Amino acid sequence: MLAMFPTVDPSLYTPSLTVDLSEICLVSVVRFACGQESTSYPDQSYFKLVFIEDGEGSCFIDSELIGVAAGTLVLIAPGKRHHLSGLKMTKRWVAVFAIDTLFLGLASAETWLKQPDELVWLLLLRPNDAGTRYFQVAPEQRSKWLERLHQLDIELQERLPGFMRAACALLWLLLIDTGRLAVSQEEKSALQLKPLLKDVFQFIETYYFHQISLFDVAKAVNLTSGYLTTFIRRETGRTVLSWIIEWRMIKARRLLLTTEQSVQLVAEAVGYTDPGHFIRQFRQRYGNTPQAWRRACLSRNAFDRARNRDEF
């Protein structure tokens, strides 16, 4: 039987919320038995971590064909085209998460870039450095992976008090272990994030709600626009504009869930002078308009509170 984080629409990625709506957590984990088709996932905005428990098969990530067997771990970055139908004859776990799941309640770019283990950032900020990320977990380590995935599944299904923090902690452990698999002796010198990245993210976090552009960010860090574009794309696999939008969308989702502000006011608060442009970008990323997304999340939260009252 599929173990899936409950949702309110066909998309797997409806956020789960704390009771006070102060935090946002987008994470799901599914265990597929041999013979079951994998769920079709949206390509944008979400990372996928696929762990093969048993069996053999293959999957396409972009144009690369990857053969898998028991113990294979595949990390799929946002935006990568992928087909998992070749995994049908495997037992597998698929964990899906948004990057801001890892930073519940943390808004500062400086905090983002001072996380204790830079192995994770080697994977999440630089997902395109070495093409598709896939690894083989040693047989003696596989039970640990299965235990953590199973516990993450339990936390997301039972939703006991503190489940979000527990889920986030388990996800961190999985990613740290993935990062350790990714690092060879030759790569260790690349783990230190360049200070320039911190300067760029600090500026974006501070001024995202203004009409900032690539030129403004480049000026703030004393670089030409062309050099900054090349640097950020090389280091993160994304553009400066996409990072500005990332910050705006994180803040917009929090405002939608923690305030009663209209969509127009939310758009203005996160730097959009044209609400229509904000709505289009929001829908492109999350598959729904801001207002529909807000209603779905609040409805989900009301259902969970009622269920918790019944259970406790």
Protein backbone atom coordinates (compact mmCIF):
# COMPACT_ATOMS: atom_id res chain seq x y z
CA MET A 1 0.00 0.00 0.00
CA LEU A 2 1.32 3.43 -0.88
CA ALA A 3 2.38 5.54 2.07
CA MET A 4 1.84 9.11 0.95
CA PHE A 5 1.62 12.48 2.65
CA PRO A 6 -2.03 13.54 2.30
CA THR A 7 -2.85 16.24 -0.24
CA VAL A 8 -5.88 18.25 -1.23
CA ASP A 9 -5.39 18.28 -4.98
CA PRO A 10 -3.80 16.04 -7.64
CA SER A 11 -0.40 17.65 -7.11
CA LEU A 12 1.71 15.81 -4.55
CA TYR A 13 3.12 19.03 -3.21
CA THR A 14 0.44 20.72 -1.18
CA PRO A 15 2.23 22.15 1.88
CA SER A 16 1.55 20.78 5.34
CA LEU A 17 1.24 23.36 8.06
CA THR A 18 1.82 23.73 11.77
CA VAL A 19 -1.25 24.51 13.82
CA ASP A 20 -0.39 28.22 14.03
CA LEU A 21 0.46 28.46 10.32
CA SER A 22 3.82 30.00 11.20
CA GLU A 23 5.88 27.49 9.24
CA ILE A 24 5.69 25.94 5.80
CA CYS A 25 6.88 22.44 5.03
CA LEU A 26 6.80 20.86 1.60
CA VAL A 27 7.93 17.26 1.78
CA SER A 28 6.52 13.88 0.84
CA VAL A 29 7.80 10.32 0.91
CA VAL A 30 6.30 7.35 -0.94
CA ARG A 31 7.25 3.67 -0.86
CA PHE A 32 6.47 1.79 -4.05
CA ALA A 33 6.23 -2.00 -4.09
CA CYS A 34 7.55 -4.04 -6.99
CA GLY A 35 5.12 -3.74 -9.90
CA GLN A 36 3.76 -0.31 -8.93
CA GLU A 37 4.23 2.65 -11.24
CA SER A 38 5.93 5.75 -9.87
CA THR A 39 3.87 8.88 -9.42
CA SER A 40 4.33 11.54 -12.10
CA TYR A 41 6.01 14.50 -10.40
CA PRO A 42 6.20 18.14 -11.47
CA ASP A 43 9.69 18.99 -12.75
CA GLN A 44 10.04 22.47 -11.28
CA SER A 45 10.96 23.66 -7.79
CA TYR A 46 11.33 20.26 -6.10
CA PHE A 47 14.19 17.88 -5.43
CA LYS A 48 13.58 14.12 -5.62
CA LEU A 49 15.61 11.54 -3.73
CA VAL A 50 15.06 7.99 -5.02
CA PHE A 51 16.39 5.02 -3.03
CA ILE A 52 16.15 1.49 -4.47
CA GLU A 53 15.34 -1.00 -1.71
CA ASP A 54 15.33 -4.11 -3.91
CA GLY A 55 15.21 -5.19 -7.56
CA GLU A 56 16.76 -3.86 -10.75
CA GLY A 57 15.68 -1.33 -13.35
CA SER A 58 16.59 1.94 -15.02
CA CYS A 59 15.51 5.56 -15.26
CA PHE A 60 16.13 8.50 -17.58
CA ILE A 61 17.37 11.79 -16.10
CA ASP A 62 17.53 14.37 -18.90
CA SER A 63 19.13 12.27 -21.66
CA GLU A 64 21.11 9.97 -19.38
CA LEU A 65 20.06 6.36 -18.82
CA ILE A 66 20.88 5.16 -15.31
CA GLY A 67 20.87 1.50 -14.37
CA VAL A 68 19.80 0.86 -10.76
CA ALA A 69 19.87 -2.04 -8.31
CA ALA A 70 19.43 -2.54 -4.58
CA GLY A 71 21.20 0.30 -2.77
CA THR A 72 21.21 2.79 -5.66
CA LEU A 73 20.46 6.37 -4.63
CA VAL A 74 19.50 9.01 -7.21
CA LEU A 75 19.20 12.75 -6.49
CA ILE A 76 17.16 14.62 -9.12
CA ALA A 77 17.51 18.41 -9.11
CA PRO A 78 14.60 20.77 -9.89
CA GLY A 79 13.96 21.26 -13.59
CA LYS A 80 15.60 18.03 -14.74
CA ARG A 81 13.41 15.99 -17.08
CA HIS A 82 13.04 12.49 -15.75
CA HIS A 83 11.16 9.27 -16.43
CA LEU A 84 10.89 6.67 -13.66
CA SER A 85 8.75 4.09 -15.48
CA GLY A 86 11.78 1.81 -15.79
CA LEU A 87 11.78 1.40 -12.00
CA LYS A 88 8.47 -0.45 -11.98
CA MET A 89 10.03 -3.79 -11.02
CA THR A 90 11.89 -2.38 -8.02
CA LYS A 91 10.93 -1.70 -4.44
CA ARG A 92 11.81 1.95 -3.94
CA TRP A 93 11.35 5.02 -1.83
CA VAL A 94 10.85 8.45 -3.38
CA ALA A 95 11.27 11.50 -1.14
CA VAL A 96 10.27 14.86 -2.65
CA PHE A 97 11.01 18.21 -1.03
CA ALA A 98 11.26 21.94 -1.61
CA ILE A 99 14.53 23.57 -0.65
CA ASP A 100 12.88 25.84 1.93
CA THR A 101 11.61 22.76 3.76
CA LEU A 102 15.10 22.56 5.23
CA PHE A 103 14.98 26.05 6.73
CA LEU A 104 11.75 26.27 8.70
CA GLY A 105 11.49 29.70 10.28
CA LEU A 106 14.84 30.89 8.88
CA ALA A 107 14.57 33.91 6.61
CA SER A 108 18.13 35.21 6.43
CA ALA A 109 20.34 34.37 3.48
CA GLU A 110 23.29 34.52 5.84
CA THR A 111 21.69 31.74 7.89
CA TRP A 112 21.06 29.72 4.74
CA LEU A 113 24.74 29.78 3.91
CA LYS A 114 26.00 29.03 7.43
CA GLN A 115 24.38 25.63 7.76
CA PRO A 116 26.79 23.31 9.62
CA ASP A 117 27.39 20.83 6.82
CA GLU A 118 28.41 22.24 3.44
CA LEU A 119 28.14 18.79 1.90
CA VAL A 120 24.43 19.47 1.56
CA TRP A 121 25.07 22.70 -0.28
CA LEU A 122 27.39 20.91 -2.66
CA LEU A 123 24.29 18.95 -3.64
CA LEU A 124 21.53 21.54 -3.37
CA LEU A 125 23.17 24.76 -4.53
CA ARG A 126 25.36 23.12 -7.16
CA PRO A 127 23.18 20.28 -8.46
CA ASN A 128 24.44 20.52 -12.03
CA ASP A 129 28.19 20.43 -11.39
CA ALA A 130 28.65 16.75 -12.13
CA GLY A 131 25.57 15.96 -14.15
CA THR A 132 23.09 13.55 -12.63
CA ARG A 133 23.84 12.58 -9.05
CA TYR A 134 23.60 8.88 -8.34
CA PHE A 135 25.47 6.73 -5.87
CA GLN A 136 25.63 3.22 -4.46
CA VAL A 137 24.95 2.79 -0.76
CA ALA A 138 27.06 0.02 0.82
CA PRO A 139 25.07 -3.07 1.93
CA GLU A 140 25.90 -2.50 5.61
CA GLN A 141 24.51 1.07 5.39
CA ARG A 142 21.21 0.30 3.67
CA SER A 143 19.26 -0.57 6.83
CA LYS A 144 20.04 2.92 8.18
CA TRP A 145 18.61 4.52 5.03
CA LEU A 146 15.48 2.37 5.17
CA GLU A 147 14.96 3.15 8.84
CA ARG A 148 15.18 6.91 8.26
CA LEU A 149 12.86 6.84 5.26
CA HIS A 150 10.37 4.71 7.18
CA GLN A 151 10.50 7.09 10.15
CA LEU A 152 9.98 10.08 7.84
CA ASP A 153 6.94 8.31 6.42
CA ILE A 154 5.55 7.72 9.92
CA GLU A 155 6.05 11.37 10.93
CA LEU A 156 4.24 12.65 7.84
CA GLN A 157 1.35 10.20 8.21
CA GLU A 158 0.74 10.41 11.95
CA ARG A 159 1.35 14.18 12.19
CA LEU A 160 1.90 14.13 15.95
CA PRO A 161 2.92 17.35 17.73
CA GLY A 162 6.34 18.39 16.48
CA PHE A 163 6.11 16.26 13.34
CA MET A 164 7.39 19.04 11.08
CA ARG A 165 10.58 19.52 13.03
CA ALA A 166 11.09 15.76 13.16
CA ALA A 167 10.50 15.43 9.41
CA CYS A 168 12.91 18.26 8.68
CA ALA A 169 15.58 16.69 10.91
CA LEU A 170 15.21 13.32 9.18
CA LEU A 171 15.45 14.97 5.77
CA TRP A 172 18.64 16.75 6.85
CA LEU A 173 20.14 13.42 7.93
CA LEU A 174 19.29 11.84 4.59
CA LEU A 175 20.85 14.73 2.69
CA ILE A 176 23.99 14.84 4.81
CA ASP A 177 24.48 11.14 4.15
CA THR A 178 23.89 11.79 0.44
CA GLY A 179 26.48 14.56 0.52
CA ARG A 180 29.02 12.26 2.11
CA LEU A 181 28.49 9.78 -0.69
CA ALA A 182 29.05 12.57 -3.21
CA VAL A 183 32.39 13.73 -1.90
CA SER A 184 35.58 12.06 -3.08
CA GLN A 185 39.06 13.00 -1.87
CA GLU A 186 39.51 15.19 -4.96
CA GLU A 187 36.28 17.12 -4.31
CA LYS A 188 36.94 18.10 -0.70
CA SER A 189 38.70 21.30 -1.70
CA ALA A 190 35.50 22.42 -3.47
CA LEU A 191 33.33 22.26 -0.36
CA GLN A 192 34.00 25.79 0.86
CA LEU A 193 31.38 28.12 -0.54
CA LYS A 194 32.81 31.26 -2.04
CA PRO A 195 32.19 34.41 0.05
CA LEU A 196 30.76 36.08 -3.04
CA LEU A 197 27.75 33.75 -2.91
CA LYS A 198 26.99 34.95 0.60
CA ASP A 199 27.19 38.57 -0.52
CA VAL A 200 24.83 37.93 -3.44
CA PHE A 201 22.25 36.06 -1.34
CA GLN A 202 22.46 38.62 1.46
CA PHE A 203 21.67 41.44 -0.97
CA ILE A 204 18.76 39.53 -2.53
CA GLU A 205 17.32 38.63 0.87
CA THR A 206 17.56 42.25 2.03
CA TYR A 207 16.10 43.88 -1.09
CA TYR A 208 13.92 41.24 -2.81
CA PHE A 209 10.78 43.33 -2.20
CA HIS A 210 12.20 46.21 -4.26
CA GLN A 211 12.45 46.31 -8.04
CA ILE A 212 15.95 44.86 -8.05
CA SER A 213 17.56 43.49 -11.19
CA LEU A 214 20.70 41.64 -12.19
CA PHE A 215 22.38 45.03 -12.63
CA ASP A 216 21.54 46.04 -9.04
CA VAL A 217 22.90 42.81 -7.59
CA ALA A 218 26.07 43.07 -9.69
CA LYS A 219 26.62 46.67 -8.60
CA ALA A 220 26.17 45.70 -4.94
CA VAL A 221 28.94 43.10 -5.15
CA ASN A 222 31.20 45.19 -7.44
CA LEU A 223 31.01 42.94 -10.49
CA THR A 224 29.83 43.32 -14.06
CA SER A 225 26.44 41.83 -14.87
CA GLY A 226 28.03 39.40 -17.33
CA TYR A 227 30.59 38.07 -14.86
CA LEU A 228 28.00 37.71 -12.10
CA THR A 229 25.66 35.83 -14.44
CA THR A 230 28.39 33.38 -15.38
CA PHE A 231 29.55 32.95 -11.76
CA ILE A 232 26.09 32.29 -10.29
CA ARG A 233 25.11 29.90 -13.05
CA ARG A 234 28.38 27.99 -12.67
CA GLU A 235 28.15 27.80 -8.88
CA THR A 236 24.43 27.14 -8.48
CA GLY A 237 23.12 26.02 -11.87
CA ARG A 238 20.58 28.87 -11.76
CA THR A 239 20.33 32.53 -12.73
CA VAL A 240 20.34 35.57 -10.48
CA LEU A 241 16.75 36.30 -11.52
CA SER A 242 15.64 32.80 -10.51
CA TRP A 243 17.10 33.34 -7.04
CA ILE A 244 15.27 36.66 -6.70
CA ILE A 245 12.03 34.91 -7.65
CA GLU A 246 12.84 32.08 -5.20
CA TRP A 247 13.04 34.54 -2.30
CA ARG A 248 9.85 36.31 -3.37
CA MET A 249 7.87 33.09 -3.60
CA ILE A 250 9.02 31.85 -0.20
CA LYS A 251 7.93 35.14 1.38
CA ALA A 252 4.68 35.20 -0.60
CA ARG A 253 3.64 31.74 0.59
CA ARG A 254 4.25 32.74 4.20
CA LEU A 255 2.21 35.93 3.80
CA LEU A 256 -0.64 34.02 2.15
CA LEU A 257 -0.82 31.63 5.09
CA THR A 258 -0.06 33.89 8.04
CA THR A 259 -2.03 37.01 7.05
CA GLU A 260 -5.37 37.91 5.50
CA GLN A 261 -3.81 40.28 2.99
CA SER A 262 -5.23 40.27 -0.52
CA VAL A 263 -3.25 38.73 -3.33
CA GLN A 264 -2.56 42.23 -4.66
CA LEU A 265 -1.08 43.34 -1.32
CA VAL A 266 0.98 40.17 -1.05
CA ALA A 267 2.29 40.75 -4.57
CA GLU A 268 3.29 44.32 -3.69
CA ALA A 269 4.90 43.19 -0.42
CA VAL A 270 7.25 40.81 -2.24
CA GLY A 271 8.24 43.18 -5.03
CA TYR A 272 5.63 42.86 -7.81
CA THR A 273 4.01 46.01 -9.17
CA ASP A 274 1.81 43.90 -11.47
CA PRO A 275 -0.36 41.38 -9.54
CA GLY A 276 -1.05 39.54 -12.79
CA HIS A 277 2.66 38.87 -13.27
CA PHE A 278 2.89 37.60 -9.68
CA ILE A 279 -0.09 35.27 -10.19
CA ARG A 280 1.38 33.86 -13.41
CA GLN A 281 4.75 33.16 -11.80
CA PHE A 282 3.13 31.64 -8.72
CA ARG A 283 0.92 29.39 -10.82
CA GLN A 284 3.85 28.31 -12.98
CA ARG A 285 5.74 27.17 -9.89
CA TYR A 286 2.96 25.70 -7.75
CA GLY A 287 0.26 24.70 -10.21
CA ASN A 288 -2.40 26.95 -8.72
CA THR A 289 -3.27 30.61 -8.26
CA PRO A 290 -2.20 32.19 -4.96
CA GLN A 291 -5.80 32.45 -3.77
CA ALA A 292 -6.64 28.82 -4.63
CA TRP A 293 -3.39 27.66 -3.05
CA ARG A 294 -4.21 29.58 0.14
CA ARG A 295 -7.73 28.11 0.34
CA ALA A 296 -6.44 24.57 -0.19
CA CYS A 297 -3.79 24.91 2.52
CA LEU A 298 -6.14 26.50 5.06
CA SER A 299 -8.73 23.83 4.34
CA ARG A 300 -6.10 21.12 4.87
CA ASN A 301 -5.07 22.71 8.15
CA ALA A 302 -8.68 22.98 9.39
CA PHE A 303 -9.19 19.30 8.60
CA ASP A 304 -6.05 18.33 10.51
CA ARG A 305 -7.06 20.36 13.56
CA ALA A 306 -10.48 18.73 13.60
CA ARG A 307 -8.89 15.30 13.26
CA ASN A 308 -6.45 16.02 16.06
CA ARG A 309 -9.32 17.05 18.35
CA ASP A 310 -11.08 13.78 17.56
CA GLU A 311 -7.93 11.70 18.14
CA PHE A 312 -6.78 13.37 21.33
